[in-house]
Protein backbone atom coordinates (compact mmCIF):
# COMPACT_ATOMS: atom_id res chain seq x y z
CA MET A 1 4.27 -22.61 -13.69
CA ASP A 2 1.33 -20.67 -13.14
CA THR A 3 -1.65 -21.28 -15.41
CA VAL A 4 -3.01 -18.98 -17.42
CA ILE A 5 -7.03 -19.03 -17.60
CA GLU A 6 -7.98 -16.10 -19.52
CA VAL A 7 -6.06 -12.62 -21.24
CA ARG A 8 -8.30 -9.79 -21.83
CA ILE A 9 -7.66 -6.30 -23.65
CA VAL A 10 -9.78 -3.80 -22.17
CA PRO A 11 -10.49 -0.44 -24.18
CA ALA A 12 -9.64 2.50 -21.92
CA THR A 13 -9.47 6.14 -22.88
CA GLY A 14 -6.76 6.57 -25.18
CA CYS A 15 -5.07 3.18 -24.54
CA TYR A 16 -5.77 -0.87 -24.13
CA VAL A 17 -5.30 -2.15 -21.22
CA ILE A 18 -4.00 -5.92 -21.14
CA GLU A 19 -5.48 -8.19 -18.16
CA VAL A 20 -4.36 -11.33 -17.44
CA VAL A 21 -5.86 -14.26 -15.57
CA TYR A 22 -4.07 -16.94 -14.30
CA GLU A 23 -3.98 -19.53 -11.30
CA LYS A 24 -1.23 -20.30 -8.89
CA LYS A 25 -0.13 -23.31 -7.80
CA SER A 26 1.19 -22.51 -4.01
CA VAL A 27 -0.41 -20.30 -1.73
CA ALA A 28 2.29 -18.28 0.78
CA GLN A 29 0.73 -19.22 4.33
CA ILE A 30 -0.68 -16.07 6.35
CA ASN A 31 0.56 -15.62 10.08
CA SER A 32 -2.67 -14.87 11.38
CA LYS A 33 -1.72 -13.56 15.02
CA TYR A 34 -0.12 -10.14 12.59
CA LEU A 35 -3.23 -9.47 10.55
CA ALA A 36 -4.78 -6.28 9.65
CA GLY A 37 -7.32 -4.74 7.15
CA ILE A 38 -6.80 -1.02 5.78
CA ASP A 39 -9.98 0.80 4.15
CA LEU A 40 -9.05 4.15 2.63
CA GLY A 41 -12.24 6.43 2.50
CA ILE A 42 -14.17 8.99 1.86
CA ASP A 43 -15.54 10.50 5.00
CA ARG A 44 -12.81 9.56 7.31
CA LEU A 45 -8.94 9.29 6.19
CA VAL A 46 -8.59 5.46 7.00
CA ALA A 47 -10.17 2.73 8.66
CA LEU A 48 -8.15 0.01 10.34
CA ALA A 49 -9.12 -3.16 11.77
CA THR A 50 -6.85 -5.66 13.40
CA CYS A 51 -6.93 -8.53 15.37
CA GLN A 52 -4.36 -7.37 17.86
CA ALA A 53 -5.70 -6.44 21.57
CA TRP A 54 -2.98 -3.76 22.35
CA CYS A 55 -4.33 -1.29 19.06
CA GLU A 56 -6.65 0.96 20.27
CA THR A 57 -9.62 2.67 17.73
CA ILE A 58 -9.29 6.37 17.10
CA ALA A 59 -11.01 8.59 14.85
CA CYS A 60 -8.88 10.07 12.05
């Protein structure tokens, strides 16, 4: 079972947002052979970084 660390009630425009911060006991293992990061940008549509050698860099 997860442990609740903190509960926040944040006022927003016309509503309240409830944020729950909790600690997980187990973390799923990541297969680092297939790892990528995606960043949605302003000047470019998307930036992608990967650890795969076959993936080429192109400008979008």
